[in-house]
């Protein structure tokens, strides 16, 4: 499981970020509030991550702080 990611933003859209960490770009779905707190493309960020694994996909959800992640997981 991926629990957190720290890396450089390489793409910022209305619904997700792509963060490059150690040469791998991770697509992270985020809320509008979390997205508004993201820095500019090219700057480093750190996010708490919920990894959701299904038979046909692996999705990452990003959160600003650990309490948001815990609430999401409830």
N, C-alpha and C. Protein backbone atom coordinates (compact mmCIF):
# COMPACT_ATOMS: atom_id res chain seq x y z
N UNK A 1 0.83 -1.19 0.00
CA UNK A 1 0.00 0.00 0.00
C UNK A 1 0.88 1.25 0.00
N UNK A 2 0.40 2.25 -0.69
CA UNK A 2 1.07 3.55 -0.69
C UNK A 2 0.37 4.39 0.37
N UNK A 3 1.11 4.88 1.35
CA UNK A 3 0.53 5.64 2.46
C UNK A 3 0.78 7.13 2.37
N UNK A 4 1.84 7.51 1.68
CA UNK A 4 2.12 8.93 1.47
C UNK A 4 3.03 9.07 0.25
N UNK A 5 3.01 10.25 -0.33
CA UNK A 5 3.86 10.54 -1.48
C UNK A 5 4.45 11.93 -1.31
N UNK A 6 5.74 12.03 -1.60
CA UNK A 6 6.41 13.32 -1.65
C UNK A 6 7.12 13.39 -2.99
N UNK A 7 6.86 14.46 -3.72
CA UNK A 7 7.49 14.60 -5.02
C UNK A 7 7.11 15.90 -5.69
N UNK A 8 7.46 16.00 -6.95
CA UNK A 8 7.25 17.22 -7.73
C UNK A 8 5.96 17.10 -8.55
N UNK A 9 5.14 18.14 -8.52
CA UNK A 9 3.93 18.19 -9.34
C UNK A 9 4.35 18.35 -10.80
N UNK A 10 3.92 17.41 -11.64
CA UNK A 10 4.22 17.56 -13.07
C UNK A 10 2.96 17.87 -13.88
N UNK A 11 1.77 17.68 -13.28
CA UNK A 11 0.52 18.06 -13.94
C UNK A 11 -0.53 18.33 -12.87
N UNK A 12 -1.30 19.39 -13.08
CA UNK A 12 -2.37 19.76 -12.15
C UNK A 12 -3.62 20.01 -12.98
N UNK A 13 -4.69 19.22 -12.76
CA UNK A 13 -5.95 19.40 -13.47
C UNK A 13 -7.03 19.76 -12.45
N UNK A 14 -8.28 19.78 -12.90
CA UNK A 14 -9.38 20.12 -12.00
C UNK A 14 -9.73 19.00 -11.03
N UNK A 15 -9.30 17.77 -11.32
CA UNK A 15 -9.69 16.63 -10.49
C UNK A 15 -8.52 15.83 -9.93
N UNK A 16 -7.34 15.98 -10.47
CA UNK A 16 -6.23 15.17 -9.99
C UNK A 16 -4.90 15.88 -10.19
N UNK A 17 -3.91 15.34 -9.51
CA UNK A 17 -2.51 15.76 -9.66
C UNK A 17 -1.71 14.57 -10.16
N UNK A 18 -0.67 14.85 -10.90
CA UNK A 18 0.32 13.82 -11.18
C UNK A 18 1.59 14.28 -10.49
N UNK A 19 2.05 13.46 -9.57
CA UNK A 19 3.23 13.77 -8.76
C UNK A 19 4.33 12.78 -9.13
N UNK A 20 5.48 13.30 -9.50
CA UNK A 20 6.62 12.43 -9.83
C UNK A 20 7.47 12.23 -8.59
N UNK A 21 7.64 10.97 -8.23
CA UNK A 21 8.47 10.60 -7.08
C UNK A 21 9.41 9.49 -7.53
N UNK A 22 10.70 9.72 -7.45
CA UNK A 22 11.72 8.75 -7.85
C UNK A 22 11.52 8.27 -9.29
N UNK A 23 11.16 9.19 -10.17
CA UNK A 23 11.04 8.87 -11.58
C UNK A 23 9.72 8.26 -12.01
N UNK A 24 8.77 8.08 -11.09
CA UNK A 24 7.47 7.51 -11.40
C UNK A 24 6.41 8.58 -11.19
N UNK A 25 5.51 8.75 -12.16
CA UNK A 25 4.42 9.72 -12.04
C UNK A 25 3.18 9.05 -11.49
N UNK A 26 2.70 9.50 -10.34
CA UNK A 26 1.52 8.93 -9.69
C UNK A 26 0.33 9.85 -9.91
N UNK A 27 -0.78 9.30 -10.43
CA UNK A 27 -2.02 10.06 -10.60
C UNK A 27 -2.80 9.98 -9.29
N UNK A 28 -3.03 11.14 -8.68
CA UNK A 28 -3.66 11.20 -7.36
C UNK A 28 -4.95 12.01 -7.46
N UNK A 29 -6.09 11.36 -7.22
CA UNK A 29 -7.37 12.06 -7.19
C UNK A 29 -7.46 12.85 -5.89
N UNK A 30 -7.92 14.09 -5.99
CA UNK A 30 -7.99 14.96 -4.81
C UNK A 30 -9.28 15.77 -4.83
N UNK A 31 -9.68 16.23 -3.66
CA UNK A 31 -10.86 17.09 -3.54
C UNK A 31 -10.50 18.50 -4.03
N UNK A 32 -11.51 19.32 -4.35
CA UNK A 32 -11.23 20.70 -4.75
C UNK A 32 -10.45 21.48 -3.70
N UNK A 33 -10.73 21.23 -2.41
CA UNK A 33 -10.01 21.91 -1.34
C UNK A 33 -8.53 21.52 -1.32
N UNK A 34 -8.27 20.23 -1.44
CA UNK A 34 -6.90 19.74 -1.48
C UNK A 34 -6.18 20.27 -2.71
N UNK A 35 -6.89 20.32 -3.82
CA UNK A 35 -6.31 20.82 -5.07
C UNK A 35 -5.95 22.29 -4.96
N UNK A 36 -6.81 23.08 -4.30
CA UNK A 36 -6.54 24.52 -4.17
C UNK A 36 -5.30 24.79 -3.31
N UNK A 37 -4.96 23.85 -2.44
CA UNK A 37 -3.77 23.99 -1.60
C UNK A 37 -2.51 23.46 -2.25
N UNK A 38 -2.66 22.85 -3.43
CA UNK A 38 -1.48 22.34 -4.14
C UNK A 38 -0.70 23.50 -4.74
N UNK A 39 0.58 23.35 -4.74
CA UNK A 39 1.45 24.39 -5.29
C UNK A 39 1.43 24.34 -6.81
N UNK A 40 2.29 25.13 -7.42
CA UNK A 40 2.37 25.20 -8.87
C UNK A 40 3.10 23.98 -9.44
N UNK A 41 2.87 23.73 -10.72
CA UNK A 41 3.60 22.68 -11.42
C UNK A 41 5.10 22.91 -11.26
N UNK A 42 5.82 21.86 -10.98
CA UNK A 42 7.26 21.94 -10.80
C UNK A 42 7.70 22.06 -9.35
N UNK A 43 6.76 22.34 -8.44
CA UNK A 43 7.12 22.47 -7.03
C UNK A 43 6.85 21.16 -6.29
N UNK A 44 7.56 20.95 -5.19
CA UNK A 44 7.43 19.72 -4.42
C UNK A 44 6.29 19.82 -3.42
N UNK A 45 5.54 18.70 -3.29
CA UNK A 45 4.47 18.60 -2.30
C UNK A 45 4.56 17.25 -1.61
N UNK A 46 3.78 17.12 -0.55
CA UNK A 46 3.66 15.86 0.17
C UNK A 46 2.18 15.67 0.50
N UNK A 47 1.67 14.47 0.27
CA UNK A 47 0.26 14.18 0.54
C UNK A 47 0.13 12.81 1.20
N UNK A 48 -0.87 12.69 2.09
CA UNK A 48 -1.26 11.40 2.64
C UNK A 48 -2.08 10.70 1.56
N UNK A 49 -1.93 9.39 1.43
CA UNK A 49 -2.56 8.65 0.33
C UNK A 49 -3.40 7.48 0.84
N UNK A 50 -4.59 7.34 0.25
CA UNK A 50 -5.39 6.13 0.41
C UNK A 50 -5.25 5.37 -0.90
N UNK A 51 -4.81 4.12 -0.83
CA UNK A 51 -4.67 3.27 -2.02
C UNK A 51 -5.88 2.35 -2.09
N UNK A 52 -6.61 2.46 -3.20
CA UNK A 52 -7.81 1.64 -3.39
C UNK A 52 -7.53 0.65 -4.52
N UNK A 53 -7.50 -0.65 -4.17
CA UNK A 53 -7.18 -1.70 -5.14
C UNK A 53 -8.45 -2.48 -5.46
N UNK A 54 -8.71 -2.61 -6.76
CA UNK A 54 -9.82 -3.43 -7.23
C UNK A 54 -9.27 -4.39 -8.28
N UNK A 55 -10.12 -5.27 -8.73
CA UNK A 55 -9.71 -6.26 -9.72
C UNK A 55 -9.17 -5.60 -10.99
N UNK A 56 -9.77 -4.48 -11.39
CA UNK A 56 -9.42 -3.86 -12.66
C UNK A 56 -8.75 -2.48 -12.53
N UNK A 57 -8.43 -2.05 -11.31
CA UNK A 57 -7.80 -0.73 -11.18
C UNK A 57 -7.08 -0.59 -9.84
N UNK A 58 -6.21 0.40 -9.80
CA UNK A 58 -5.51 0.79 -8.58
C UNK A 58 -5.60 2.31 -8.55
N UNK A 59 -6.34 2.86 -7.58
CA UNK A 59 -6.58 4.31 -7.51
C UNK A 59 -5.94 4.88 -6.26
N UNK A 60 -5.41 6.09 -6.40
CA UNK A 60 -4.81 6.81 -5.28
C UNK A 60 -5.63 8.06 -4.99
N UNK A 61 -5.91 8.29 -3.71
CA UNK A 61 -6.65 9.47 -3.26
C UNK A 61 -5.75 10.23 -2.30
N UNK A 62 -5.58 11.53 -2.55
CA UNK A 62 -4.67 12.34 -1.75
C UNK A 62 -5.37 13.26 -0.78
N UNK A 63 -4.74 13.47 0.39
CA UNK A 63 -5.31 14.29 1.45
C UNK A 63 -4.24 15.19 2.06
N UNK A 64 -4.65 16.37 2.50
CA UNK A 64 -3.73 17.33 3.10
C UNK A 64 -3.18 16.87 4.43
N UNK A 65 -4.04 16.33 5.28
CA UNK A 65 -3.57 15.89 6.59
C UNK A 65 -4.14 14.52 6.94
N UNK A 66 -3.55 13.92 7.94
CA UNK A 66 -3.88 12.55 8.29
C UNK A 66 -5.32 12.40 8.78
N UNK A 67 -5.86 13.41 9.45
CA UNK A 67 -7.25 13.32 9.95
C UNK A 67 -8.24 13.22 8.79
N UNK A 68 -7.98 13.91 7.67
CA UNK A 68 -8.85 13.79 6.49
C UNK A 68 -8.80 12.37 5.92
N UNK A 69 -7.61 11.80 5.90
CA UNK A 69 -7.46 10.42 5.43
C UNK A 69 -8.23 9.45 6.32
N UNK A 70 -8.09 9.60 7.63
CA UNK A 70 -8.83 8.73 8.56
C UNK A 70 -10.33 8.83 8.37
N UNK A 71 -10.83 10.06 8.18
CA UNK A 71 -12.27 10.26 7.97
C UNK A 71 -12.71 9.57 6.68
N UNK A 72 -11.95 9.71 5.63
CA UNK A 72 -12.25 9.09 4.35
C UNK A 72 -12.32 7.57 4.49
N UNK A 73 -11.41 7.00 5.25
CA UNK A 73 -11.35 5.56 5.39
C UNK A 73 -12.45 4.99 6.29
N UNK A 74 -13.13 5.84 7.04
CA UNK A 74 -14.26 5.36 7.86
C UNK A 74 -15.42 5.16 6.96
